[in-house]
Amino acid sequence: MKSYITALYGWYRQTLRNPRYRWWVILGTAAYLFSPFDLSPDLFPVLGQIDDVAIVSLLVAELSQIAMDYMKSRQKGMGDAEAVEVEAVPVQES
């Protein structure tokens, strides 16, 4: 059972990180959260929310990691730009 969960987690993570399928996975996750059909129905007080909380936490963790990677790549790209030298001229009031 543990290897099945690990395999499912790995598939979800790889698919979410693939730019081609990212929005499909996000929309599918949202559809799963709002659909009445779950792995464990929400009629059960605690057990019904466990799968929803697990899916939301996994989605938020992966999206925040993607955002952090994007910000790091932008900052790295900004440091590579060449500086432009400009000669400053004072402005005099007349």
PDB file of N, CA and C in Angstrom:
ATOM      1  N   MET A   1       0.817  -1.196   0.000  1.00  0.00           N
ATOM      2  CA  MET A   1       0.000   0.000   0.000  1.00  0.00           C
ATOM      3  C   MET A   1       0.859   1.257   0.000  1.00  0.00           C
ATOM      4  N   LYS A   2       1.979   1.198   0.739  1.00  0.00           N
ATOM      5  CA  LYS A   2       2.835   2.373   0.816  1.00  0.00           C
ATOM      6  C   LYS A   2       3.491   2.666  -0.537  1.00  0.00           C
ATOM      7  N   SER A   3       3.877   1.621  -1.275  1.00  0.00           N
ATOM      8  CA  SER A   3       4.500   1.850  -2.573  1.00  0.00           C
ATOM      9  C   SER A   3       3.479   2.418  -3.566  1.00  0.00           C
ATOM     10  N   TYR A   4       2.213   2.037  -3.423  1.00  0.00           N
ATOM     11  CA  TYR A   4       1.166   2.590  -4.281  1.00  0.00           C
ATOM     12  C   TYR A   4       0.999   4.080  -4.019  1.00  0.00           C
ATOM     13  N   ILE A   5       0.995   4.474  -2.762  1.00  0.00           N
ATOM     14  CA  ILE A   5       0.856   5.894  -2.410  1.00  0.00           C
ATOM     15  C   ILE A   5       2.075   6.674  -2.880  1.00  0.00           C
ATOM     16  N   THR A   6       3.267   6.097  -2.725  1.00  0.00           N
ATOM     17  CA  THR A   6       4.487   6.747  -3.177  1.00  0.00           C
ATOM     18  C   THR A   6       4.488   6.907  -4.696  1.00  0.00           C
ATOM     19  N   ALA A   7       4.041   5.890  -5.405  1.00  0.00           N
ATOM     20  CA  ALA A   7       3.978   5.963  -6.868  1.00  0.00           C
ATOM     21  C   ALA A   7       2.964   7.011  -7.314  1.00  0.00           C
ATOM     22  N   LEU A   8       1.819   7.068  -6.640  1.00  0.00           N
ATOM     23  CA  LEU A   8       0.802   8.061  -6.979  1.00  0.00           C
ATOM     24  C   LEU A   8       1.307   9.481  -6.709  1.00  0.00           C
ATOM     25  N   TYR A   9       2.001   9.653  -5.589  1.00  0.00           N
ATOM     26  CA  TYR A   9       2.586  10.962  -5.259  1.00  0.00           C
ATOM     27  C   TYR A   9       3.630  11.365  -6.303  1.00  0.00           C
ATOM     28  N   GLY A  10       4.482  10.432  -6.698  1.00  0.00           N
ATOM     29  CA  GLY A  10       5.503  10.729  -7.712  1.00  0.00           C
ATOM     30  C   GLY A  10       4.882  11.098  -9.044  1.00  0.00           C
ATOM     31  N   TRP A  11       3.841  10.369  -9.445  1.00  0.00           N
ATOM     32  CA  TRP A  11       3.166  10.682 -10.707  1.00  0.00           C
ATOM     33  C   TRP A  11       2.532  12.067 -10.647  1.00  0.00           C
ATOM     34  N   TYR A  12       1.838  12.370  -9.550  1.00  0.00           N
ATOM     35  CA  TYR A  12       1.175  13.671  -9.400  1.00  0.00           C
ATOM     36  C   TYR A  12       2.198  14.796  -9.463  1.00  0.00           C
ATOM     37  N   ARG A  13       3.307  14.608  -8.772  1.00  0.00           N
ATOM     38  CA  ARG A  13       4.341  15.647  -8.723  1.00  0.00           C
ATOM     39  C   ARG A  13       4.977  15.861 -10.090  1.00  0.00           C
ATOM     40  N   GLN A  14       5.313  14.785 -10.795  1.00  0.00           N
ATOM     41  CA  GLN A  14       5.919  14.919 -12.116  1.00  0.00           C
ATOM     42  C   GLN A  14       4.952  15.542 -13.112  1.00  0.00           C
ATOM     43  N   THR A  15       3.699  15.132 -13.053  1.00  0.00           N
ATOM     44  CA  THR A  15       2.722  15.674 -13.987  1.00  0.00           C
ATOM     45  C   THR A  15       2.463  17.147 -13.713  1.00  0.00           C
ATOM     46  N   LEU A  16       2.428  17.532 -12.464  1.00  0.00           N
ATOM     47  CA  LEU A  16       2.204  18.932 -12.112  1.00  0.00           C
ATOM     48  C   LEU A  16       3.376  19.807 -12.530  1.00  0.00           C
ATOM     49  N   ARG A  17       4.572  19.267 -12.514  1.00  0.00           N
ATOM     50  CA  ARG A  17       5.741  20.052 -12.900  1.00  0.00           C
ATOM     51  C   ARG A  17       5.930  20.127 -14.409  1.00  0.00           C
ATOM     52  N   ASN A  18       5.204  19.333 -15.154  1.00  0.00           N
ATOM     53  CA  ASN A  18       5.269  19.372 -16.610  1.00  0.00           C
ATOM     54  C   ASN A  18       4.396  20.522 -17.096  1.00  0.00           C
ATOM     55  N   PRO A  19       4.976  21.517 -17.767  1.00  0.00           N
ATOM     56  CA  PRO A  19       4.182  22.688 -18.173  1.00  0.00           C
ATOM     57  C   PRO A  19       3.021  22.344 -19.103  1.00  0.00           C
ATOM     58  N   ARG A  20       3.151  21.266 -19.850  1.00  0.00           N
ATOM     59  CA  ARG A  20       2.102  20.890 -20.785  1.00  0.00           C
ATOM     60  C   ARG A  20       0.824  20.435 -20.059  1.00  0.00           C
ATOM     61  N   TYR A  21       0.989  19.756 -18.926  1.00  0.00           N
ATOM     62  CA  TYR A  21      -0.157  19.187 -18.225  1.00  0.00           C
ATOM     63  C   TYR A  21      -0.509  19.909 -16.931  1.00  0.00           C
ATOM     64  N   ARG A  22       0.242  20.924 -16.578  1.00  0.00           N
ATOM     65  CA  ARG A  22       0.068  21.580 -15.279  1.00  0.00           C
ATOM     66  C   ARG A  22      -1.351  22.072 -15.054  1.00  0.00           C
ATOM     67  N   TRP A  23      -1.922  22.810 -15.988  1.00  0.00           N
ATOM     68  CA  TRP A  23      -3.261  23.374 -15.779  1.00  0.00           C
ATOM     69  C   TRP A  23      -4.321  22.290 -15.766  1.00  0.00           C
ATOM     70  N   TRP A  24      -4.103  21.203 -16.520  1.00  0.00           N
ATOM     71  CA  TRP A  24      -5.056  20.095 -16.484  1.00  0.00           C
ATOM     72  C   TRP A  24      -5.073  19.447 -15.099  1.00  0.00           C
ATOM     73  N   VAL A  25      -3.909  19.302 -14.498  1.00  0.00           N
ATOM     74  CA  VAL A  25      -3.825  18.702 -13.166  1.00  0.00           C
ATOM     75  C   VAL A  25      -4.468  19.622 -12.131  1.00  0.00           C
ATOM     76  N   ILE A  26      -4.225  20.924 -12.232  1.00  0.00           N
ATOM     77  CA  ILE A  26      -4.825  21.872 -11.290  1.00  0.00           C
ATOM     78  C   ILE A  26      -6.350  21.865 -11.426  1.00  0.00           C
ATOM     79  N   LEU A  27      -6.852  21.873 -12.657  1.00  0.00           N
ATOM     80  CA  LEU A  27      -8.303  21.843 -12.860  1.00  0.00           C
ATOM     81  C   LEU A  27      -8.894  20.511 -12.400  1.00  0.00           C
ATOM     82  N   GLY A  28      -8.181  19.415 -12.646  1.00  0.00           N
ATOM     83  CA  GLY A  28      -8.655  18.114 -12.182  1.00  0.00           C
ATOM     84  C   GLY A  28      -8.693  18.028 -10.669  1.00  0.00           C
ATOM     85  N   THR A  29      -7.701  18.605 -10.018  1.00  0.00           N
ATOM     86  CA  THR A  29      -7.683  18.627  -8.555  1.00  0.00           C
ATOM     87  C   THR A  29      -8.842  19.453  -8.017  1.00  0.00           C
ATOM     88  N   ALA A  30      -9.091  20.604  -8.619  1.00  0.00           N
ATOM     89  CA  ALA A  30     -10.218  21.438  -8.182  1.00  0.00           C
ATOM     90  C   ALA A  30     -11.545  20.716  -8.415  1.00  0.00           C
ATOM     91  N   ALA A  31     -11.675  20.033  -9.547  1.00  0.00           N
ATOM     92  CA  ALA A  31     -12.902  19.279  -9.825  1.00  0.00           C
ATOM     93  C   ALA A  31     -13.089  18.162  -8.808  1.00  0.00           C
ATOM     94  N   TYR A  32     -12.009  17.491  -8.429  1.00  0.00           N
ATOM     95  CA  TYR A  32     -12.098  16.429  -7.423  1.00  0.00           C
ATOM     96  C   TYR A  32     -12.530  17.000  -6.074  1.00  0.00           C
ATOM     97  N   LEU A  33     -11.991  18.152  -5.716  1.00  0.00           N
ATOM     98  CA  LEU A  33     -12.336  18.739  -4.416  1.00  0.00           C
ATOM     99  C   LEU A  33     -13.798  19.149  -4.335  1.00  0.00           C
ATOM    100  N   PHE A  34     -14.350  19.627  -5.437  1.00  0.00           N
ATOM    101  CA  PHE A  34     -15.721  20.124  -5.415  1.00  0.00           C
ATOM    102  C   PHE A  34     -16.755  19.091  -5.856  1.00  0.00           C
ATOM    103  N   SER A  35     -16.302  17.929  -6.321  1.00  0.00           N
ATOM    104  CA  SER A  35     -17.253  16.908  -6.751  1.00  0.00           C
ATOM    105  C   SER A  35     -17.777  16.137  -5.535  1.00  0.00           C
ATOM    106  N   PRO A  36     -18.966  15.625  -5.637  1.00  0.00           N
ATOM    107  CA  PRO A  36     -19.513  14.852  -4.508  1.00  0.00           C
ATOM    108  C   PRO A  36     -18.926  13.444  -4.416  1.00  0.00           C
ATOM    109  N   PHE A  37     -18.188  13.002  -5.425  1.00  0.00           N
ATOM    110  CA  PHE A  37     -17.609  11.661  -5.436  1.00  0.00           C
ATOM    111  C   PHE A  37     -16.163  11.728  -4.976  1.00  0.00           C
ATOM    112  N   ASP A  38     -15.861  11.116  -3.846  1.00  0.00           N
ATOM    113  CA  ASP A  38     -14.515  11.119  -3.263  1.00  0.00           C
ATOM    114  C   ASP A  38     -14.093   9.687  -2.972  1.00  0.00           C
ATOM    115  N   LEU A  39     -12.812   9.541  -2.640  1.00  0.00           N
ATOM    116  CA  LEU A  39     -12.335   8.245  -2.168  1.00  0.00           C
ATOM    117  C   LEU A  39     -12.998   7.892  -0.848  1.00  0.00           C
ATOM    118  N   SER A  40     -13.116   8.871   0.015  1.00  0.00           N
ATOM    119  CA  SER A  40     -13.877   8.694   1.256  1.00  0.00           C
ATOM    120  C   SER A  40     -14.893   9.826   1.304  1.00  0.00           C
ATOM    121  N   PRO A  41     -16.165   9.498   1.279  1.00  0.00           N
ATOM    122  CA  PRO A  41     -17.210  10.546   1.210  1.00  0.00           C
ATOM    123  C   PRO A  41     -17.146  11.508   2.391  1.00  0.00           C
ATOM    124  N   ASP A  42     -17.575  12.723   2.145  1.00  0.00           N
ATOM    125  CA  ASP A  42     -17.535  13.763   3.177  1.00  0.00           C
ATOM    126  C   ASP A  42     -18.623  13.582   4.231  1.00  0.00           C
ATOM    127  N   LEU A  43     -19.425  12.553   4.113  1.00  0.00           N
ATOM    128  CA  LEU A  43     -20.456  12.288   5.120  1.00  0.00           C
ATOM    129  C   LEU A  43     -19.838  11.845   6.438  1.00  0.00           C
ATOM    130  N   PHE A  44     -18.673  11.221   6.371  1.00  0.00           N
ATOM    131  CA  PHE A  44     -17.981  10.795   7.579  1.00  0.00           C
ATOM    132  C   PHE A  44     -17.251  11.996   8.162  1.00  0.00           C
ATOM    133  N   PRO A  45     -17.423  12.285   9.459  1.00  0.00           N
ATOM    134  CA  PRO A  45     -16.918  13.533  10.042  1.00  0.00           C
ATOM    135  C   PRO A  45     -15.439  13.820   9.804  1.00  0.00           C
ATOM    136  N   VAL A  46     -14.539  12.911  10.100  1.00  0.00           N
ATOM    137  CA  VAL A  46     -13.111  13.201   9.968  1.00  0.00           C
ATOM    138  C   VAL A  46     -12.524  12.513   8.736  1.00  0.00           C
ATOM    139  N   LEU A  47     -12.901  11.286   8.529  1.00  0.00           N
ATOM    140  CA  LEU A  47     -12.342  10.522   7.416  1.00  0.00           C
ATOM    141  C   LEU A  47     -12.684  11.119   6.064  1.00  0.00           C
ATOM    142  N   GLY A  48     -13.814  11.790   5.968  1.00  0.00           N
ATOM    143  CA  GLY A  48     -14.225  12.381   4.702  1.00  0.00           C
ATOM    144  C   GLY A  48     -13.379  13.566   4.282  1.00  0.00           C
ATOM    145  N   GLN A  49     -12.799  14.251   5.237  1.00  0.00           N
ATOM    146  CA  GLN A  49     -11.993  15.422   4.911  1.00  0.00           C
ATOM    147  C   GLN A  49     -10.516  15.098   4.752  1.00  0.00           C
ATOM    148  N   ILE A  50     -10.079  13.926   5.163  1.00  0.00           N
ATOM    149  CA  ILE A  50      -8.645  13.599   5.110  1.00  0.00           C
ATOM    150  C   ILE A  50      -8.131  13.609   3.681  1.00  0.00           C
ATOM    151  N   ASP A  51      -8.851  12.987   2.740  1.00  0.00           N
ATOM    152  CA  ASP A  51      -8.358  12.967   1.371  1.00  0.00           C
ATOM    153  C   ASP A  51      -8.370  14.357   0.753  1.00  0.00           C
ATOM    154  N   ASP A  52      -9.381  15.167   1.088  1.00  0.00           N
ATOM    155  CA  ASP A  52      -9.422  16.543   0.567  1.00  0.00           C
ATOM    156  C   ASP A  52      -8.255  17.376   1.096  1.00  0.00           C
ATOM    157  N   VAL A  53      -7.976  17.251   2.376  1.00  0.00           N
ATOM    158  CA  VAL A  53      -6.866  18.004   2.980  1.00  0.00           C
ATOM    159  C   VAL A  53      -5.533  17.545   2.398  1.00  0.00           C
ATOM    160  N   ALA A  54      -5.387  16.245   2.175  1.00  0.00           N
ATOM    161  CA  ALA A  54      -4.139  15.724   1.598  1.00  0.00           C
ATOM    162  C   ALA A  54      -3.929  16.254   0.183  1.00  0.00           C
ATOM    163  N   ILE A  55      -4.981  16.261  -0.622  1.00  0.00           N
ATOM    164  CA  ILE A  55      -4.869  16.757  -1.998  1.00  0.00           C
ATOM    165  C   ILE A  55      -4.558  18.248  -2.015  1.00  0.00           C
ATOM    166  N   VAL A  56      -5.239  19.025  -1.180  1.00  0.00           N
ATOM    167  CA  VAL A  56      -5.002  20.477  -1.145  1.00  0.00           C
ATOM    168  C   VAL A  56      -3.587  20.777  -0.666  1.00  0.00           C
ATOM    169  N   SER A  57      -3.131  20.077   0.367  1.00  0.00           N
ATOM    170  CA  SER A  57      -1.781  20.350   0.870  1.00  0.00           C
ATOM    171  C   SER A  57      -0.722  19.961  -0.157  1.00  0.00           C
ATOM    172  N   LEU A  58      -0.930  18.869  -0.865  1.00  0.00           N
ATOM    173  CA  LEU A  58       0.015  18.473  -1.912  1.00  0.00           C
ATOM    174  C   LEU A  58       0.028  19.492  -3.040  1.00  0.00           C
ATOM    175  N   LEU A  59      -1.145  19.960  -3.457  1.00  0.00           N
ATOM    176  CA  LEU A  59      -1.218  20.947  -4.531  1.00  0.00           C
ATOM    177  C   LEU A  59      -0.559  22.260  -4.123  1.00  0.00           C
ATOM    178  N   VAL A  60      -0.831  22.732  -2.920  1.00  0.00           N
ATOM    179  CA  VAL A  60      -0.238  23.993  -2.454  1.00  0.00           C
ATOM    180  C   VAL A  60       1.280  23.855  -2.323  1.00  0.00           C
ATOM    181  N   ALA A  61       1.752  22.736  -1.808  1.00  0.00           N
ATOM    182  CA  ALA A  61       3.193  22.534  -1.655  1.00  0.00           C
ATOM    183  C   ALA A  61       3.890  22.520  -3.008  1.00  0.00           C
ATOM    184  N   GLU A  62       3.326  21.832  -3.973  1.00  0.00           N
ATOM    185  CA  GLU A  62       3.958  21.754  -5.289  1.00  0.00           C
ATOM    186  C   GLU A  62       3.895  23.088  -6.025  1.00  0.00           C
ATOM    187  N   LEU A  63       2.773  23.790  -5.940  1.00  0.00           N
ATOM    188  CA  LEU A  63       2.672  25.100  -6.601  1.00  0.00           C
ATOM    189  C   LEU A  63       3.612  26.118  -5.974  1.00  0.00           C
ATOM    190  N   SER A  64       3.787  26.064  -4.657  1.00  0.00           N
ATOM    191  CA  SER A  64       4.721  26.994  -4.019  1.00  0.00           C
ATOM    192  C   SER A  64       6.158  26.649  -4.412  1.00  0.00           C
ATOM    193  N   GLN A  65       6.473  25.372  -4.575  1.00  0.00           N
ATOM    194  CA  GLN A  65       7.819  24.987  -5.017  1.00  0.00           C
ATOM    195  C   GLN A  65       8.075  25.452  -6.446  1.00  0.00           C
ATOM    196  N   ILE A  66       7.070  25.337  -7.303  1.00  0.00           N
ATOM    197  CA  ILE A  66       7.202  25.820  -8.682  1.00  0.00           C
ATOM    198  C   ILE A  66       7.412  27.334  -8.685  1.00  0.00           C
ATOM    199  N   ALA A  67       6.669  28.053  -7.849  1.00  0.00           N
ATOM    200  CA  ALA A  67       6.820  29.510  -7.768  1.00  0.00           C
ATOM    201  C   ALA A  67       8.207  29.893  -7.247  1.00  0.00           C
ATOM    202  N   MET A  68       8.712  29.164  -6.255  1.00  0.00           N
ATOM    203  CA  MET A  68      10.049  29.450  -5.718  1.00  0.00           C
ATOM    204  C   MET A  68      11.121  29.202  -6.778  1.00  0.00           C
ATOM    205  N   ASP A  69      11.000  28.112  -7.526  1.00  0.00           N
ATOM    206  CA  ASP A  69      11.955  27.832  -8.594  1.00  0.00           C
ATOM    207  C   ASP A  69      11.919  28.919  -9.661  1.00  0.00           C
ATOM    208  N   TYR A  70      10.718  29.397  -9.980  1.00  0.00           N
ATOM    209  CA  TYR A  70      10.577  30.461 -10.968  1.00  0.00           C
ATOM    210  C   TYR A  70      11.229  31.749 -10.480  1.00  0.00           C
ATOM    211  N   MET A  71      11.008  32.096  -9.223  1.00  0.00           N
ATOM    212  CA  MET A  71      11.604  33.322  -8.675  1.00  0.00           C
ATOM    213  C   MET A  71      13.125  33.215  -8.625  1.00  0.00           C
ATOM    214  N   LYS A  72      13.651  32.058  -8.272  1.00  0.00           N
ATOM    215  CA  LYS A  72      15.101  31.871  -8.248  1.00  0.00           C
ATOM    216  C   LYS A  72      15.690  32.006  -9.641  1.00  0.00           C
ATOM    217  N   SER A  73      15.006  31.452 -10.639  1.00  0.00           N
ATOM    218  CA  SER A  73      15.525  31.554 -12.004  1.00  0.00           C
ATOM    219  C   SER A  73      15.463  32.990 -12.507  1.00  0.00           C
ATOM    220  N   ARG A  74      14.448  33.739 -12.097  1.00  0.00           N
ATOM    221  CA  ARG A  74      14.372  35.155 -12.488  1.00  0.00           C
ATOM    222  C   ARG A  74      15.475  35.970 -11.839  1.00  0.00           C
ATOM    223  N   GLN A  75      15.753  35.705 -10.556  1.00  0.00           N
ATOM    224  CA  GLN A  75      16.805  36.440  -9.868  1.00  0.00           C
ATOM    225  C   GLN A  75      18.167  36.100 -10.451  1.00  0.00           C
ATOM    226  N   LYS A  76      18.365  34.854 -10.809  1.00  0.00           N
ATOM    227  CA  LYS A  76      19.632  34.459 -11.398  1.00  0.00           C
ATOM    228  C   LYS A  76      19.803  35.137 -12.757  1.00  0.00           C
ATOM    229  N   GLY A  77      18.727  35.226 -13.510  1.00  0.00           N
ATOM    230  CA  GLY A  77      18.776  35.865 -14.818  1.00  0.00           C
ATOM    231  C   GLY A  77      19.015  37.358 -14.720  1.00  0.00           C
ATOM    232  N   MET A  78      18.541  37.996 -13.651  1.00  0.00           N
ATOM    233  CA  MET A  78      18.728  39.438 -13.490  1.00  0.00           C
ATOM    234  C   MET A  78      20.181  39.772 -13.182  1.00  0.00           C
ATOM    235  N   GLY A  79      20.895  38.892 -12.514  1.00  0.00           N
ATOM    236  CA  GLY A  79      22.289  39.151 -12.168  1.00  0.00           C
ATOM    237  C   GLY A  79      23.210  39.049 -13.363  1.00  0.00           C
ATOM    238  N   ASP A  80      22.777  38.379 -14.427  1.00  0.00           N
ATOM    239  CA  ASP A  80      23.606  38.202 -15.602  1.00  0.00           C
ATOM    240  C   ASP A  80      23.568  39.403 -16.541  1.00  0.00           C
ATOM    241  N   ALA A  81      22.628  40.312 -16.358  1.00  0.00           N
ATOM    242  CA  ALA A  81      22.490  41.456 -17.247  1.00  0.00           C
ATOM    243  C   ALA A  81      23.669  42.410 -17.064  1.00  0.00           C
ATOM    244  N   GLU A  82      24.058  43.024 -18.158  1.00  0.00           N
ATOM    245  CA  GLU A  82      25.164  43.974 -18.108  1.00  0.00           C
ATOM    246  C   GLU A  82      24.666  45.310 -17.572  1.00  0.00           C
ATOM    247  N   ALA A  83      25.506  45.964 -16.830  1.00  0.00           N
ATOM    248  CA  ALA A  83      25.174  47.284 -16.305  1.00  0.00           C
ATOM    249  C   ALA A  83      25.379  48.320 -17.406  1.00  0.00           C
ATOM    250  N   VAL A  84      24.503  49.294 -17.438  1.00  0.00           N
ATOM    251  CA  VAL A  84      24.591  50.359 -18.419  1.00  0.00           C
ATOM    252  C   VAL A  84      25.128  51.591 -17.707  1.00  0.00           C
ATOM    253  N   GLU A  85      26.207  52.133 -18.219  1.00  0.00           N
ATOM    254  CA  GLU A  85      26.809  53.326 -17.625  1.00  0.00           C
ATOM    255  C   GLU A  85      26.140  54.558 -18.232  1.00  0.00           C
ATOM    256  N   VAL A  86      25.712  55.470 -17.354  1.00  0.00           N
ATOM    257  CA  VAL A  86      25.053  56.693 -17.799  1.00  0.00           C
ATOM    258  C   VAL A  86      25.769  57.864 -17.150  1.00  0.00           C
ATOM    259  N   GLU A  87      26.019  58.883 -17.947  1.00  0.00           N
ATOM    260  CA  GLU A  87      26.657  60.080 -17.409  1.00  0.00           C
ATOM    261  C   GLU A  87      25.574  60.996 -16.858  1.00  0.00           C
ATOM    262  N   ALA A  88      25.668  61.319 -15.580  1.00  0.00           N
ATOM    263  CA  ALA A  88      24.661  62.144 -14.925  1.00  0.00           C
ATOM    264  C   ALA A  88      24.931  63.622 -15.187  1.00  0.00           C
ATOM    265  N   VAL A  89      23.878  64.334 -15.470  1.00  0.00           N
ATOM    266  CA  VAL A  89      23.975  65.773 -15.720  1.00  0.00           C
ATOM    267  C   VAL A  89      23.049  66.461 -14.717  1.00  0.00           C
ATOM    268  N   PRO A  90      23.566  67.405 -13.932  1.00  0.00           N
ATOM    269  CA  PRO A  90      22.689  68.074 -12.968  1.00  0.00           C
ATOM    270  C   PRO A  90      21.693  68.996 -13.680  1.00  0.00           C
ATOM    271  N   VAL A  91      20.516  69.074 -13.112  1.00  0.00           N
ATOM    272  CA  VAL A  91      19.462  69.918 -13.672  1.00  0.00           C
ATOM    273  C   VAL A  91      19.490  71.229 -12.892  1.00  0.00           C
ATOM    274  N   GLN A  92      19.586  72.367 -13.627  1.00  0.00           N
ATOM    275  CA  GLN A  92      19.634  73.670 -12.984  1.00  0.00           C
ATOM    276  C   GLN A  92      18.291  74.369 -13.180  1.00  0.00           C
ATOM    277  N   GLU A  93      17.864  74.994 -12.101  1.00  0.00           N
ATOM    278  CA  GLU A  93      16.605  75.754 -12.204  1.00  0.00           C
ATOM    279  C   GLU A  93      16.915  77.120 -12.787  1.00  0.00           C
ATOM    280  N   SER A  94      15.991  77.646 -13.596  1.00  0.00           N
ATOM    281  CA  SER A  94      16.227  78.957 -14.170  1.00  0.00           C
ATOM    282  C   SER A  94      15.473  80.042 -13.474  1.00  0.00           C
TER     283      SER A  94
END
